[in-house]
mmCIF file of all heavy atoms, coordinates in Angstrom:
data_MODEL
# 
_entry.id   MODEL 
# 
loop_
_atom_site.group_PDB 
_atom_site.id 
_atom_site.type_symbol 
_atom_site.label_atom_id 
_atom_site.label_alt_id 
_atom_site.label_comp_id 
_atom_site.label_asym_id 
_atom_site.label_entity_id 
_atom_site.label_seq_id 
_atom_site.pdbx_PDB_ins_code 
_atom_site.Cartn_x 
_atom_site.Cartn_y 
_atom_site.Cartn_z 
_atom_site.occupancy 
_atom_site.B_iso_or_equiv 
_atom_site.pdbx_formal_charge 
_atom_site.auth_seq_id 
_atom_site.auth_comp_id 
_atom_site.auth_asym_id 
_atom_site.auth_atom_id 
_atom_site.pdbx_PDB_model_num 
ATOM 1   N N   . ASP A 1 1  ? 11.192  14.266  -11.565 1.00 0.00 ? 1  ASP A N   1 
ATOM 2   C CA  . ASP A 1 1  ? 11.900  13.468  -10.557 1.00 0.00 ? 1  ASP A CA  1 
ATOM 3   C C   . ASP A 1 1  ? 11.046  13.285  -9.307  1.00 0.00 ? 1  ASP A C   1 
ATOM 4   O O   . ASP A 1 1  ? 10.943  12.189  -8.757  1.00 0.00 ? 1  ASP A O   1 
ATOM 5   C CB  . ASP A 1 1  ? 13.213  14.147  -10.150 1.00 0.00 ? 1  ASP A CB  1 
ATOM 6   C CG  . ASP A 1 1  ? 14.202  14.281  -11.287 1.00 0.00 ? 1  ASP A CG  1 
ATOM 7   O OD1 . ASP A 1 1  ? 14.276  13.381  -12.140 1.00 0.00 ? 1  ASP A OD1 1 
ATOM 8   O OD2 . ASP A 1 1  ? 14.901  15.314  -11.318 1.00 0.00 ? 1  ASP A OD2 1 
ATOM 9   N N   . ILE A 1 2  ? 10.450  14.378  -8.862  1.00 0.00 ? 2  ILE A N   1 
ATOM 10  C CA  . ILE A 1 2  ? 9.627   14.333  -7.651  1.00 0.00 ? 2  ILE A CA  1 
ATOM 11  C C   . ILE A 1 2  ? 8.404   13.451  -7.873  1.00 0.00 ? 2  ILE A C   1 
ATOM 12  O O   . ILE A 1 2  ? 8.058   12.627  -7.023  1.00 0.00 ? 2  ILE A O   1 
ATOM 13  C CB  . ILE A 1 2  ? 9.223   15.756  -7.223  1.00 0.00 ? 2  ILE A CB  1 
ATOM 14  C CG1 . ILE A 1 2  ? 10.478  16.544  -6.827  1.00 0.00 ? 2  ILE A CG1 1 
ATOM 15  C CG2 . ILE A 1 2  ? 8.217   15.729  -6.078  1.00 0.00 ? 2  ILE A CG2 1 
ATOM 16  C CD1 . ILE A 1 2  ? 10.261  18.033  -6.663  1.00 0.00 ? 2  ILE A CD1 1 
ATOM 17  N N   . ALA A 1 3  ? 7.767   13.575  -9.035  1.00 0.00 ? 3  ALA A N   1 
ATOM 18  C CA  . ALA A 1 3  ? 6.588   12.759  -9.345  1.00 0.00 ? 3  ALA A CA  1 
ATOM 19  C C   . ALA A 1 3  ? 6.941   11.271  -9.368  1.00 0.00 ? 3  ALA A C   1 
ATOM 20  O O   . ALA A 1 3  ? 6.147   10.436  -8.906  1.00 0.00 ? 3  ALA A O   1 
ATOM 21  C CB  . ALA A 1 3  ? 5.991   13.182  -10.679 1.00 0.00 ? 3  ALA A CB  1 
ATOM 22  N N   . GLU A 1 4  ? 8.126   10.927  -9.874  1.00 0.00 ? 4  GLU A N   1 
ATOM 23  C CA  . GLU A 1 4  ? 8.553   9.524   -9.892  1.00 0.00 ? 4  GLU A CA  1 
ATOM 24  C C   . GLU A 1 4  ? 8.721   8.981   -8.479  1.00 0.00 ? 4  GLU A C   1 
ATOM 25  O O   . GLU A 1 4  ? 8.320   7.860   -8.182  1.00 0.00 ? 4  GLU A O   1 
ATOM 26  C CB  . GLU A 1 4  ? 9.856   9.377   -10.678 1.00 0.00 ? 4  GLU A CB  1 
ATOM 27  C CG  . GLU A 1 4  ? 9.672   9.531   -12.169 1.00 0.00 ? 4  GLU A CG  1 
ATOM 28  C CD  . GLU A 1 4  ? 10.996  9.530   -12.939 1.00 0.00 ? 4  GLU A CD  1 
ATOM 29  O OE1 . GLU A 1 4  ? 12.046  9.185   -12.346 1.00 0.00 ? 4  GLU A OE1 1 
ATOM 30  O OE2 . GLU A 1 4  ? 10.958  9.888   -14.122 1.00 0.00 ? 4  GLU A OE2 1 
ATOM 31  N N   . ILE A 1 5  ? 9.310   9.777   -7.605  1.00 0.00 ? 5  ILE A N   1 
ATOM 32  C CA  . ILE A 1 5  ? 9.490   9.353   -6.215  1.00 0.00 ? 5  ILE A CA  1 
ATOM 33  C C   . ILE A 1 5  ? 8.130   9.201   -5.537  1.00 0.00 ? 5  ILE A C   1 
ATOM 34  O O   . ILE A 1 5  ? 7.889   8.215   -4.827  1.00 0.00 ? 5  ILE A O   1 
ATOM 35  C CB  . ILE A 1 5  ? 10.403  10.345  -5.459  1.00 0.00 ? 5  ILE A CB  1 
ATOM 36  C CG1 . ILE A 1 5  ? 11.838  10.218  -5.992  1.00 0.00 ? 5  ILE A CG1 1 
ATOM 37  C CG2 . ILE A 1 5  ? 10.340  10.112  -3.944  1.00 0.00 ? 5  ILE A CG2 1 
ATOM 38  C CD1 . ILE A 1 5  ? 12.793  11.289  -5.533  1.00 0.00 ? 5  ILE A CD1 1 
ATOM 39  N N   . GLU A 1 6  ? 7.226   10.148  -5.763  1.00 0.00 ? 6  GLU A N   1 
ATOM 40  C CA  . GLU A 1 6  ? 5.880   10.039  -5.181  1.00 0.00 ? 6  GLU A CA  1 
ATOM 41  C C   . GLU A 1 6  ? 5.177   8.786   -5.674  1.00 0.00 ? 6  GLU A C   1 
ATOM 42  O O   . GLU A 1 6  ? 4.520   8.083   -4.901  1.00 0.00 ? 6  GLU A O   1 
ATOM 43  C CB  . GLU A 1 6  ? 5.068   11.281  -5.529  1.00 0.00 ? 6  GLU A CB  1 
ATOM 44  C CG  . GLU A 1 6  ? 5.568   12.528  -4.844  1.00 0.00 ? 6  GLU A CG  1 
ATOM 45  C CD  . GLU A 1 6  ? 4.940   13.808  -5.361  1.00 0.00 ? 6  GLU A CD  1 
ATOM 46  O OE1 . GLU A 1 6  ? 4.277   13.786  -6.413  1.00 0.00 ? 6  GLU A OE1 1 
ATOM 47  O OE2 . GLU A 1 6  ? 5.119   14.839  -4.687  1.00 0.00 ? 6  GLU A OE2 1 
ATOM 48  N N   . HIS A 1 7  ? 5.343   8.472   -6.951  1.00 0.00 ? 7  HIS A N   1 
ATOM 49  C CA  . HIS A 1 7  ? 4.724   7.272   -7.515  1.00 0.00 ? 7  HIS A CA  1 
ATOM 50  C C   . HIS A 1 7  ? 5.261   6.004   -6.840  1.00 0.00 ? 7  HIS A C   1 
ATOM 51  O O   . HIS A 1 7  ? 4.490   5.108   -6.493  1.00 0.00 ? 7  HIS A O   1 
ATOM 52  C CB  . HIS A 1 7  ? 4.966   7.212   -9.030  1.00 0.00 ? 7  HIS A CB  1 
ATOM 53  C CG  . HIS A 1 7  ? 4.493   5.943   -9.650  1.00 0.00 ? 7  HIS A CG  1 
ATOM 54  N ND1 . HIS A 1 7  ? 3.156   5.667   -9.851  1.00 0.00 ? 7  HIS A ND1 1 
ATOM 55  C CD2 . HIS A 1 7  ? 5.162   4.855   -10.078 1.00 0.00 ? 7  HIS A CD2 1 
ATOM 56  C CE1 . HIS A 1 7  ? 3.034   4.476   -10.388 1.00 0.00 ? 7  HIS A CE1 1 
ATOM 57  N NE2 . HIS A 1 7  ? 4.242   3.963   -10.536 1.00 0.00 ? 7  HIS A NE2 1 
ATOM 58  N N   . VAL A 1 8  ? 6.572   5.952   -6.648  1.00 0.00 ? 8  VAL A N   1 
ATOM 59  C CA  . VAL A 1 8  ? 7.183   4.789   -5.991  1.00 0.00 ? 8  VAL A CA  1 
ATOM 60  C C   . VAL A 1 8  ? 6.619   4.624   -4.582  1.00 0.00 ? 8  VAL A C   1 
ATOM 61  O O   . VAL A 1 8  ? 6.312   3.508   -4.144  1.00 0.00 ? 8  VAL A O   1 
ATOM 62  C CB  . VAL A 1 8  ? 8.724   4.922   -5.961  1.00 0.00 ? 8  VAL A CB  1 
ATOM 63  C CG1 . VAL A 1 8  ? 9.361   3.902   -5.027  1.00 0.00 ? 8  VAL A CG1 1 
ATOM 64  C CG2 . VAL A 1 8  ? 9.282   4.789   -7.369  1.00 0.00 ? 8  VAL A CG2 1 
ATOM 65  N N   . VAL A 1 9  ? 6.452   5.719   -3.875  1.00 0.00 ? 9  VAL A N   1 
ATOM 66  C CA  . VAL A 1 9  ? 5.904   5.661   -2.512  1.00 0.00 ? 9  VAL A CA  1 
ATOM 67  C C   . VAL A 1 9  ? 4.479   5.104   -2.542  1.00 0.00 ? 9  VAL A C   1 
ATOM 68  O O   . VAL A 1 9  ? 4.128   4.233   -1.739  1.00 0.00 ? 9  VAL A O   1 
ATOM 69  C CB  . VAL A 1 9  ? 5.942   7.050   -1.837  1.00 0.00 ? 9  VAL A CB  1 
ATOM 70  C CG1 . VAL A 1 9  ? 5.127   7.062   -0.552  1.00 0.00 ? 9  VAL A CG1 1 
ATOM 71  C CG2 . VAL A 1 9  ? 7.378   7.454   -1.569  1.00 0.00 ? 9  VAL A CG2 1 
ATOM 72  N N   . LEU A 1 10 ? 3.667   5.579   -3.475  1.00 0.00 ? 10 LEU A N   1 
ATOM 73  C CA  . LEU A 1 10 ? 2.290   5.081   -3.566  1.00 0.00 ? 10 LEU A CA  1 
ATOM 74  C C   . LEU A 1 10 ? 2.255   3.591   -3.921  1.00 0.00 ? 10 LEU A C   1 
ATOM 75  O O   . LEU A 1 10 ? 1.424   2.841   -3.393  1.00 0.00 ? 10 LEU A O   1 
ATOM 76  C CB  . LEU A 1 10 ? 1.497   5.899   -4.585  1.00 0.00 ? 10 LEU A CB  1 
ATOM 77  C CG  . LEU A 1 10 ? 1.214   7.333   -4.144  1.00 0.00 ? 10 LEU A CG  1 
ATOM 78  C CD1 . LEU A 1 10 ? 0.656   8.145   -5.303  1.00 0.00 ? 10 LEU A CD1 1 
ATOM 79  C CD2 . LEU A 1 10 ? 0.268   7.361   -2.955  1.00 0.00 ? 10 LEU A CD2 1 
ATOM 80  N N   . VAL A 1 11 ? 3.155   3.149   -4.772  1.00 0.00 ? 11 VAL A N   1 
ATOM 81  C CA  . VAL A 1 11 ? 3.242   1.722   -5.109  1.00 0.00 ? 11 VAL A CA  1 
ATOM 82  C C   . VAL A 1 11 ? 3.619   0.923   -3.863  1.00 0.00 ? 11 VAL A C   1 
ATOM 83  O O   . VAL A 1 11 ? 3.037   -0.140  -3.590  1.00 0.00 ? 11 VAL A O   1 
ATOM 84  C CB  . VAL A 1 11 ? 4.256   1.489   -6.252  1.00 0.00 ? 11 VAL A CB  1 
ATOM 85  C CG1 . VAL A 1 11 ? 4.581   0.013   -6.417  1.00 0.00 ? 11 VAL A CG1 1 
ATOM 86  C CG2 . VAL A 1 11 ? 3.723   2.069   -7.561  1.00 0.00 ? 11 VAL A CG2 1 
ATOM 87  N N   . GLU A 1 12 ? 4.578   1.431   -3.100  1.00 0.00 ? 12 GLU A N   1 
ATOM 88  C CA  . GLU A 1 12 ? 5.005   0.740   -1.879  1.00 0.00 ? 12 GLU A CA  1 
ATOM 89  C C   . GLU A 1 12 ? 3.869   0.645   -0.863  1.00 0.00 ? 12 GLU A C   1 
ATOM 90  O O   . GLU A 1 12 ? 3.681   -0.398  -0.228  1.00 0.00 ? 12 GLU A O   1 
ATOM 91  C CB  . GLU A 1 12 ? 6.219   1.428   -1.258  1.00 0.00 ? 12 GLU A CB  1 
ATOM 92  C CG  . GLU A 1 12 ? 7.491   1.263   -2.045  1.00 0.00 ? 12 GLU A CG  1 
ATOM 93  C CD  . GLU A 1 12 ? 7.934   -0.185  -2.163  1.00 0.00 ? 12 GLU A CD  1 
ATOM 94  O OE1 . GLU A 1 12 ? 7.887   -0.918  -1.159  1.00 0.00 ? 12 GLU A OE1 1 
ATOM 95  O OE2 . GLU A 1 12 ? 8.320   -0.592  -3.274  1.00 0.00 ? 12 GLU A OE2 1 
ATOM 96  N N   . VAL A 1 13 ? 3.108   1.713   -0.698  1.00 0.00 ? 13 VAL A N   1 
ATOM 97  C CA  . VAL A 1 13 ? 1.963   1.679   0.226   1.00 0.00 ? 13 VAL A CA  1 
ATOM 98  C C   . VAL A 1 13 ? 0.949   0.649   -0.269  1.00 0.00 ? 13 VAL A C   1 
ATOM 99  O O   . VAL A 1 13 ? 0.391   -0.115  0.522   1.00 0.00 ? 13 VAL A O   1 
ATOM 100 C CB  . VAL A 1 13 ? 1.324   3.084   0.370   1.00 0.00 ? 13 VAL A CB  1 
ATOM 101 C CG1 . VAL A 1 13 ? -0.017  3.000   1.076   1.00 0.00 ? 13 VAL A CG1 1 
ATOM 102 C CG2 . VAL A 1 13 ? 2.259   4.002   1.131   1.00 0.00 ? 13 VAL A CG2 1 
ATOM 103 N N   . GLY A 1 14 ? 0.745   0.597   -1.559  1.00 0.00 ? 14 GLY A N   1 
ATOM 104 C CA  . GLY A 1 14 ? -0.180  -0.387  -2.128  1.00 0.00 ? 14 GLY A CA  1 
ATOM 105 C C   . GLY A 1 14 ? 0.252   -1.822  -1.894  1.00 0.00 ? 14 GLY A C   1 
ATOM 106 O O   . GLY A 1 14 ? -0.578  -2.735  -1.850  1.00 0.00 ? 14 GLY A O   1 
ATOM 107 N N   . LYS A 1 15 ? 1.547   -2.031  -1.712  1.00 0.00 ? 15 LYS A N   1 
ATOM 108 C CA  . LYS A 1 15 ? 2.044   -3.387  -1.458  1.00 0.00 ? 15 LYS A CA  1 
ATOM 109 C C   . LYS A 1 15 ? 1.591   -3.926  -0.101  1.00 0.00 ? 15 LYS A C   1 
ATOM 110 O O   . LYS A 1 15 ? 1.725   -5.116  0.165   1.00 0.00 ? 15 LYS A O   1 
ATOM 111 C CB  . LYS A 1 15 ? 3.564   -3.421  -1.551  1.00 0.00 ? 15 LYS A CB  1 
ATOM 112 C CG  . LYS A 1 15 ? 4.070   -3.313  -2.974  1.00 0.00 ? 15 LYS A CG  1 
ATOM 113 C CD  . LYS A 1 15 ? 5.583   -3.392  -3.016  1.00 0.00 ? 15 LYS A CD  1 
ATOM 114 C CE  . LYS A 1 15 ? 6.088   -3.283  -4.438  1.00 0.00 ? 15 LYS A CE  1 
ATOM 115 N NZ  . LYS A 1 15 ? 7.570   -3.316  -4.491  1.00 0.00 ? 15 LYS A NZ  1 
ATOM 116 N N   . ALA A 1 16 ? 1.050   -3.062  0.737   1.00 0.00 ? 16 ALA A N   1 
ATOM 117 C CA  . ALA A 1 16 ? 0.515   -3.525  2.024   1.00 0.00 ? 16 ALA A CA  1 
ATOM 118 C C   . ALA A 1 16 ? -0.626  -4.519  1.816   1.00 0.00 ? 16 ALA A C   1 
ATOM 119 O O   . ALA A 1 16 ? -0.942  -5.299  2.702   1.00 0.00 ? 16 ALA A O   1 
ATOM 120 C CB  . ALA A 1 16 ? 0.032   -2.340  2.854   1.00 0.00 ? 16 ALA A CB  1 
ATOM 121 N N   . ARG A 1 17 ? -1.212  -4.494  0.620   1.00 0.00 ? 17 ARG A N   1 
ATOM 122 C CA  . ARG A 1 17 ? -2.290  -5.442  0.309   1.00 0.00 ? 17 ARG A CA  1 
ATOM 123 C C   . ARG A 1 17 ? -1.813  -6.894  0.430   1.00 0.00 ? 17 ARG A C   1 
ATOM 124 O O   . ARG A 1 17 ? -2.598  -7.773  0.719   1.00 0.00 ? 17 ARG A O   1 
ATOM 125 C CB  . ARG A 1 17 ? -2.828  -5.185  -1.093  1.00 0.00 ? 17 ARG A CB  1 
ATOM 126 C CG  . ARG A 1 17 ? -3.606  -3.920  -1.211  1.00 0.00 ? 17 ARG A CG  1 
ATOM 127 C CD  . ARG A 1 17 ? -4.071  -3.661  -2.649  1.00 0.00 ? 17 ARG A CD  1 
ATOM 128 N NE  . ARG A 1 17 ? -4.912  -2.490  -2.697  1.00 0.00 ? 17 ARG A NE  1 
ATOM 129 C CZ  . ARG A 1 17 ? -4.456  -1.252  -2.882  1.00 0.00 ? 17 ARG A CZ  1 
ATOM 130 N NH1 . ARG A 1 17 ? -3.164  -1.038  -3.058  1.00 0.00 ? 17 ARG A NH1 1 
ATOM 131 N NH2 . ARG A 1 17 ? -5.294  -0.232  -2.894  1.00 0.00 ? 17 ARG A NH2 1 
ATOM 132 N N   . ALA A 1 18 ? -0.537  -7.118  0.212   1.00 0.00 ? 18 ALA A N   1 
ATOM 133 C CA  . ALA A 1 18 ? 0.013   -8.466  0.304   1.00 0.00 ? 18 ALA A CA  1 
ATOM 134 C C   . ALA A 1 18 ? -0.034  -9.006  1.724   1.00 0.00 ? 18 ALA A C   1 
ATOM 135 O O   . ALA A 1 18 ? 0.027   -10.212 1.938   1.00 0.00 ? 18 ALA A O   1 
ATOM 136 C CB  . ALA A 1 18 ? 1.450   -8.478  -0.214  1.00 0.00 ? 18 ALA A CB  1 
ATOM 137 N N   . ALA A 1 19 ? -0.179  -8.121  2.710   1.00 0.00 ? 19 ALA A N   1 
ATOM 138 C CA  . ALA A 1 19 ? -0.197  -8.535  4.114   1.00 0.00 ? 19 ALA A CA  1 
ATOM 139 C C   . ALA A 1 19 ? -1.612  -8.727  4.645   1.00 0.00 ? 19 ALA A C   1 
ATOM 140 O O   . ALA A 1 19 ? -1.802  -8.903  5.842   1.00 0.00 ? 19 ALA A O   1 
ATOM 141 C CB  . ALA A 1 19 ? 0.538   -7.501  4.958   1.00 0.00 ? 19 ALA A CB  1 
ATOM 142 N N   . ARG A 1 20 ? -2.599  -8.721  3.767   1.00 0.00 ? 20 ARG A N   1 
ATOM 143 C CA  . ARG A 1 20 ? -3.993  -8.771  4.242   1.00 0.00 ? 20 ARG A CA  1 
ATOM 144 C C   . ARG A 1 20 ? -4.307  -10.011 5.073   1.00 0.00 ? 20 ARG A C   1 
ATOM 145 O O   . ARG A 1 20 ? -5.161  -9.974  5.941   1.00 0.00 ? 20 ARG A O   1 
ATOM 146 C CB  . ARG A 1 20 ? -4.977  -8.614  3.091   1.00 0.00 ? 20 ARG A CB  1 
ATOM 147 C CG  . ARG A 1 20 ? -4.977  -9.706  2.077   1.00 0.00 ? 20 ARG A CG  1 
ATOM 148 C CD  . ARG A 1 20 ? -6.085  -9.560  1.030   1.00 0.00 ? 20 ARG A CD  1 
ATOM 149 N NE  . ARG A 1 20 ? -6.264  -8.198  0.611   1.00 0.00 ? 20 ARG A NE  1 
ATOM 150 C CZ  . ARG A 1 20 ? -6.201  -7.766  -0.640  1.00 0.00 ? 20 ARG A CZ  1 
ATOM 151 N NH1 . ARG A 1 20 ? -5.983  -8.623  -1.597  1.00 0.00 ? 20 ARG A NH1 1 
ATOM 152 N NH2 . ARG A 1 20 ? -6.374  -6.520  -0.934  1.00 0.00 ? 20 ARG A NH2 1 
ATOM 153 N N   . GLU A 1 21 ? -3.600  -11.122 4.835   1.00 0.00 ? 21 GLU A N   1 
ATOM 154 C CA  . GLU A 1 21 ? -3.869  -12.339 5.618   1.00 0.00 ? 21 GLU A CA  1 
ATOM 155 C C   . GLU A 1 21 ? -3.444  -12.194 7.079   1.00 0.00 ? 21 GLU A C   1 
ATOM 156 O O   . GLU A 1 21 ? -3.896  -12.943 7.933   1.00 0.00 ? 21 GLU A O   1 
ATOM 157 C CB  . GLU A 1 21 ? -3.135  -13.543 5.005   1.00 0.00 ? 21 GLU A CB  1 
ATOM 158 C CG  . GLU A 1 21 ? -3.565  -13.901 3.615   1.00 0.00 ? 21 GLU A CG  1 
ATOM 159 C CD  . GLU A 1 21 ? -2.866  -13.061 2.551   1.00 0.00 ? 21 GLU A CD  1 
ATOM 160 O OE1 . GLU A 1 21 ? -1.712  -12.620 2.760   1.00 0.00 ? 21 GLU A OE1 1 
ATOM 161 O OE2 . GLU A 1 21 ? -3.493  -12.818 1.508   1.00 0.00 ? 21 GLU A OE2 1 
ATOM 162 N N   . GLU A 1 22 ? -2.566  -11.232 7.334   1.00 0.00 ? 22 GLU A N   1 
ATOM 163 C CA  . GLU A 1 22 ? -2.051  -11.043 8.685   1.00 0.00 ? 22 GLU A CA  1 
ATOM 164 C C   . GLU A 1 22 ? -3.012  -10.269 9.585   1.00 0.00 ? 22 GLU A C   1 
ATOM 165 O O   . GLU A 1 22 ? -2.785  -10.164 10.783  1.00 0.00 ? 22 GLU A O   1 
ATOM 166 C CB  . GLU A 1 22 ? -0.715  -10.318 8.636   1.00 0.00 ? 22 GLU A CB  1 
ATOM 167 C CG  . GLU A 1 22 ? 0.367   -11.106 7.909   1.00 0.00 ? 22 GLU A CG  1 
ATOM 168 C CD  . GLU A 1 22 ? 1.670   -10.347 7.816   1.00 0.00 ? 22 GLU A CD  1 
ATOM 169 O OE1 . GLU A 1 22 ? 1.901   -9.471  8.673   1.00 0.00 ? 22 GLU A OE1 1 
ATOM 170 O OE2 . GLU A 1 22 ? 2.442   -10.633 6.898   1.00 0.00 ? 22 GLU A OE2 1 
ATOM 171 N N   . PHE A 1 23 ? -4.091  -9.734  9.015   1.00 0.00 ? 23 PHE A N   1 
ATOM 172 C CA  . PHE A 1 23 ? -5.019  -8.914  9.781   1.00 0.00 ? 23 PHE A CA  1 
ATOM 173 C C   . PHE A 1 23 ? -6.387  -9.568  9.830   1.00 0.00 ? 23 PHE A C   1 
ATOM 174 O O   . PHE A 1 23 ? -6.844  -10.169 8.854   1.00 0.00 ? 23 PHE A O   1 
ATOM 175 C CB  . PHE A 1 23 ? -5.138  -7.516  9.140   1.00 0.00 ? 23 PHE A CB  1 
ATOM 176 C CG  . PHE A 1 23 ? -3.839  -6.761  9.153   1.00 0.00 ? 23 PHE A CG  1 
ATOM 177 C CD1 . PHE A 1 23 ? -2.974  -6.832  8.075   1.00 0.00 ? 23 PHE A CD1 1 
ATOM 178 C CD2 . PHE A 1 23 ? -3.474  -6.006  10.255  1.00 0.00 ? 23 PHE A CD2 1 
ATOM 179 C CE1 . PHE A 1 23 ? -1.771  -6.151  8.084   1.00 0.00 ? 23 PHE A CE1 1 
ATOM 180 C CE2 . PHE A 1 23 ? -2.273  -5.321  10.272  1.00 0.00 ? 23 PHE A CE2 1 
ATOM 181 C CZ  . PHE A 1 23 ? -1.416  -5.400  9.192   1.00 0.00 ? 23 PHE A CZ  1 
ATOM 182 N N   . ALA A 1 24 ? -7.042  -9.411  10.968  1.00 0.00 ? 24 ALA A N   1 
ATOM 183 C CA  . ALA A 1 24 ? -8.373  -9.993  11.133  1.00 0.00 ? 24 ALA A CA  1 
ATOM 184 C C   . ALA A 1 24 ? -9.418  -9.236  10.322  1.00 0.00 ? 24 ALA A C   1 
ATOM 185 O O   . ALA A 1 24 ? -10.360 -9.822  9.808   1.00 0.00 ? 24 ALA A O   1 
ATOM 186 C CB  . ALA A 1 24 ? -8.760  -9.992  12.613  1.00 0.00 ? 24 ALA A CB  1 
ATOM 187 N N   . GLU A 1 25 ? -9.228  -7.918  10.185  1.00 0.00 ? 25 GLU A N   1 
ATOM 188 C CA  . GLU A 1 25 ? -10.199 -7.101  9.458   1.00 0.00 ? 25 GLU A CA  1 
ATOM 189 C C   . GLU A 1 25 ? -9.699  -6.820  8.041   1.00 0.00 ? 25 GLU A C   1 
ATOM 190 O O   . GLU A 1 25 ? -8.527  -7.001  7.728   1.00 0.00 ? 25 GLU A O   1 
ATOM 191 C CB  . GLU A 1 25 ? -10.501 -5.801  10.195  1.00 0.00 ? 25 GLU A CB  1 
ATOM 192 C CG  . GLU A 1 25 ? -9.371  -4.804  10.218  1.00 0.00 ? 25 GLU A CG  1 
ATOM 193 C CD  . GLU A 1 25 ? -8.320  -5.037  11.302  1.00 0.00 ? 25 GLU A CD  1 
ATOM 194 O OE1 . GLU A 1 25 ? -8.518  -5.873  12.183  1.00 0.00 ? 25 GLU A OE1 1 
ATOM 195 O OE2 . GLU A 1 25 ? -7.285  -4.393  11.219  1.00 0.00 ? 25 GLU A OE2 1 
ATOM 196 N N   . ASP A 1 26 ? -10.601 -6.359  7.211   1.00 0.00 ? 26 ASP A N   1 
ATOM 197 C CA  . ASP A 1 26 ? -10.272 -5.998  5.841   1.00 0.00 ? 26 ASP A CA  1 
ATOM 198 C C   . ASP A 1 26 ? -9.430  -4.721  5.859   1.00 0.00 ? 26 ASP A C   1 
ATOM 199 O O   . ASP A 1 26 ? -9.855  -3.704  6.403   1.00 0.00 ? 26 ASP A O   1 
ATOM 200 C CB  . ASP A 1 26 ? -11.554 -5.782  5.031   1.00 0.00 ? 26 ASP A CB  1 
ATOM 201 C CG  . ASP A 1 26 ? -11.282 -5.447  3.582   1.00 0.00 ? 26 ASP A CG  1 
ATOM 202 O OD1 . ASP A 1 26 ? -10.177 -5.760  3.094   1.00 0.00 ? 26 ASP A OD1 1 
ATOM 203 O OD2 . ASP A 1 26 ? -12.179 -4.887  2.933   1.00 0.00 ? 26 ASP A OD2 1 
ATOM 204 N N   . ILE A 1 27 ? -8.255  -4.765  5.267   1.00 0.00 ? 27 ILE A N   1 
ATOM 205 C CA  . ILE A 1 27 ? -7.377  -3.600  5.283   1.00 0.00 ? 27 ILE A CA  1 
ATOM 206 C C   . ILE A 1 27 ? -7.494  -2.762  4.013   1.00 0.00 ? 27 ILE A C   1 
ATOM 207 O O   . ILE A 1 27 ? -6.915  -1.676  3.943   1.00 0.00 ? 27 ILE A O   1 
ATOM 208 C CB  . ILE A 1 27 ? -5.906  -4.001  5.521   1.00 0.00 ? 27 ILE A CB  1 
ATOM 209 C CG1 . ILE A 1 27 ? -5.386  -4.893  4.388   1.00 0.00 ? 27 ILE A CG1 1 
ATOM 210 C CG2 . ILE A 1 27 ? -5.738  -4.642  6.874   1.00 0.00 ? 27 ILE A CG2 1 
ATOM 211 C CD1 . ILE A 1 27 ? -3.889  -5.104  4.436   1.00 0.00 ? 27 ILE A CD1 1 
ATOM 212 N N   . GLU A 1 28 ? -8.218  -3.226  3.026   1.00 0.00 ? 28 GLU A N   1 
ATOM 213 C CA  . GLU A 1 28 ? -8.346  -2.501  1.763   1.00 0.00 ? 28 GLU A CA  1 
ATOM 214 C C   . GLU A 1 28 ? -8.855  -1.066  1.952   1.00 0.00 ? 28 GLU A C   1 
ATOM 215 O O   . GLU A 1 28 ? -8.288  -0.136  1.364   1.00 0.00 ? 28 GLU A O   1 
ATOM 216 C CB  . GLU A 1 28 ? -9.230  -3.262  0.784   1.00 0.00 ? 28 GLU A CB  1 
ATOM 217 C CG  . GLU A 1 28 ? -9.309  -2.641  -0.586  1.00 0.00 ? 28 GLU A CG  1 
ATOM 218 C CD  . GLU A 1 28 ? -7.975  -2.580  -1.317  1.00 0.00 ? 28 GLU A CD  1 
ATOM 219 O OE1 . GLU A 1 28 ? -7.118  -3.453  -1.098  1.00 0.00 ? 28 GLU A OE1 1 
ATOM 220 O OE2 . GLU A 1 28 ? -7.783  -1.628  -2.095  1.00 0.00 ? 28 GLU A OE2 1 
ATOM 221 N N   . PRO A 1 29 ? -9.900  -0.842  2.759   1.00 0.00 ? 29 PRO A N   1 
ATOM 222 C CA  . PRO A 1 29 ? -10.346 0.550   2.954   1.00 0.00 ? 29 PRO A CA  1 
ATOM 223 C C   . PRO A 1 29 ? -9.243  1.439   3.550   1.00 0.00 ? 29 PRO A C   1 
ATOM 224 O O   . PRO A 1 29 ? -9.091  2.589   3.144   1.00 0.00 ? 29 PRO A O   1 
ATOM 225 C CB  . PRO A 1 29 ? -11.533 0.424   3.905   1.00 0.00 ? 29 PRO A CB  1 
ATOM 226 C CG  . PRO A 1 29 ? -12.041 -0.965  3.703   1.00 0.00 ? 29 PRO A CG  1 
ATOM 227 C CD  . PRO A 1 29 ? -10.807 -1.784  3.412   1.00 0.00 ? 29 PRO A CD  1 
ATOM 228 N N   . ALA A 1 30 ? -8.488  0.907   4.473   1.00 0.00 ? 30 ALA A N   1 
ATOM 229 C CA  . ALA A 1 30 ? -7.406  1.685   5.093   1.00 0.00 ? 30 ALA A CA  1 
ATOM 230 C C   . ALA A 1 30 ? -6.336  2.029   4.064   1.00 0.00 ? 30 ALA A C   1 
ATOM 231 O O   . ALA A 1 30 ? -5.825  3.156   4.041   1.00 0.00 ? 30 ALA A O   1 
ATOM 232 C CB  . ALA A 1 30 ? -6.789  0.907   6.253   1.00 0.00 ? 30 ALA A CB  1 
ATOM 233 N N   . ILE A 1 31 ? -6.017  1.091   3.192   1.00 0.00 ? 31 ILE A N   1 
ATOM 234 C CA  . ILE A 1 31 ? -5.004  1.347   2.168   1.00 0.00 ? 31 ILE A CA  1 
ATOM 235 C C   . ILE A 1 31 ? -5.500  2.399   1.193   1.00 0.00 ? 31 ILE A C   1 
ATOM 236 O O   . ILE A 1 31 ? -4.766  3.322   0.826   1.00 0.00 ? 31 ILE A O   1 
ATOM 237 C CB  . ILE A 1 31 ? -4.621  0.036   1.446   1.00 0.00 ? 31 ILE A CB  1 
ATOM 238 C CG1 . ILE A 1 31 ? -3.912  -0.906  2.423   1.00 0.00 ? 31 ILE A CG1 1 
ATOM 239 C CG2 . ILE A 1 31 ? -3.733  0.328   0.237   1.00 0.00 ? 31 ILE A CG2 1 
ATOM 240 C CD1 . ILE A 1 31 ? -3.708  -2.303  1.892   1.00 0.00 ? 31 ILE A CD1 1 
# 
């Protein structure tokens, strides 16, 4: 159960890639 929740959190953090156009710099290293 805990591993599934951790996985969902990591997927959600990875979704920040969709916002890359909103930033002047490359956000991939930060993610």
